[in-house]
Amino acid sequence: MTNDMESEGSQSQPGASESRPGWLRIGLVAAASALAGGVAAAWWYRKTLNKLYESGENGENPQFGISADGPPEDPFDEV
């Protein structure tokens, strides 16, 4: 029963306090997911950089495609 200072709407409702653990759980899952994604991205980036670095060291001909005479003439310059 309510008195003059309280109304039925201002009384504590049992569902309001139960929603906090749900939001906390969602926040923790989101934070863990972001952390795992960051670790995976860093691992992939480092792996890619290592592959590029190794391919540069093991190149058979680093001067491939570069002529000693200079750059080739552009066929569109003679227009």
Protein backbone atom coordinates (compact mmCIF):
# COMPACT_ATOMS: atom_id res chain seq x y z
CA MET A 1 0.00 0.00 0.00
CA THR A 2 1.26 3.53 -0.78
CA ASN A 3 1.32 6.53 1.53
CA ASP A 4 0.89 10.20 0.62
CA MET A 5 4.60 10.70 -0.21
CA GLU A 6 4.98 7.66 -2.48
CA SER A 7 3.16 6.70 -5.60
CA GLU A 8 2.96 3.30 -7.17
CA GLY A 9 5.24 4.37 -10.05
CA SER A 10 8.09 5.53 -7.81
CA GLN A 11 8.46 2.27 -5.96
CA SER A 12 11.48 0.18 -6.87
CA GLN A 13 10.84 -2.31 -9.61
CA PRO A 14 12.61 -5.69 -9.57
CA GLY A 15 13.46 -5.66 -13.31
CA ALA A 16 15.54 -2.46 -13.17
CA SER A 17 18.32 -3.89 -11.02
CA GLU A 18 18.53 -7.10 -13.07
CA SER A 19 19.40 -5.30 -16.31
CA ARG A 20 22.78 -4.04 -15.05
CA PRO A 21 24.54 -7.42 -15.09
CA GLY A 22 23.29 -7.96 -18.65
CA TRP A 23 24.83 -4.69 -19.84
CA LEU A 24 28.00 -5.44 -17.95
CA ARG A 25 28.24 -8.85 -19.60
CA ILE A 26 27.70 -7.32 -23.06
CA GLY A 27 30.37 -4.72 -22.35
CA LEU A 28 32.86 -7.36 -21.27
CA VAL A 29 32.16 -9.45 -24.37
CA ALA A 30 32.59 -6.37 -26.59
CA ALA A 31 35.88 -5.44 -24.90
CA ALA A 32 37.21 -9.00 -25.22
CA SER A 33 36.17 -9.10 -28.87
CA ALA A 34 37.92 -5.79 -29.59
CA LEU A 35 41.07 -6.99 -27.84
CA ALA A 36 41.08 -10.28 -29.75
CA GLY A 37 40.54 -8.42 -33.04
CA GLY A 38 43.41 -6.07 -32.29
CA VAL A 39 45.76 -8.93 -31.49
CA ALA A 40 44.73 -10.76 -34.68
CA ALA A 41 45.25 -7.62 -36.79
CA ALA A 42 48.68 -6.99 -35.27
CA TRP A 43 49.69 -10.60 -35.85
CA TRP A 44 48.55 -10.49 -39.50
CA TYR A 45 50.29 -7.15 -40.10
CA ARG A 46 53.55 -8.39 -38.62
CA LYS A 47 53.36 -11.63 -40.61
CA THR A 48 52.76 -9.68 -43.83
CA LEU A 49 55.68 -7.33 -43.16
CA ASN A 50 57.96 -10.30 -42.49
CA LYS A 51 56.94 -11.88 -45.82
CA LEU A 52 57.64 -8.64 -47.68
CA TYR A 53 60.99 -8.22 -45.95
CA GLU A 54 62.03 -11.81 -46.73
CA SER A 55 60.99 -11.51 -50.37
CA GLY A 56 63.19 -8.41 -50.70
CA GLU A 57 66.24 -10.21 -49.29
CA ASN A 58 65.83 -13.35 -51.36
CA GLY A 59 65.16 -11.64 -54.67
CA GLU A 60 67.07 -13.27 -57.50
CA ASN A 61 67.52 -10.11 -59.54
CA PRO A 62 66.89 -6.84 -57.71
CA GLN A 63 67.49 -4.88 -60.94
CA PHE A 64 64.75 -6.76 -62.81
CA GLY A 65 62.93 -4.47 -65.25
CA ILE A 66 65.42 -1.59 -64.97
CA SER A 67 67.49 -0.98 -68.07
CA ALA A 68 70.96 0.53 -67.92
CA ASP A 69 70.18 2.81 -70.88
CA GLY A 70 67.59 4.83 -68.97
CA PRO A 71 63.84 4.89 -69.12
CA PRO A 72 62.18 3.64 -72.32
CA GLU A 73 60.83 6.21 -74.72
CA ASP A 74 57.15 7.00 -74.44
CA PRO A 75 55.37 6.26 -77.76
CA PHE A 76 52.94 9.11 -77.10
CA ASP A 77 55.70 11.77 -77.03
CA GLU A 78 56.05 11.74 -80.85
CA VAL A 79 52.55 13.06 -81.48
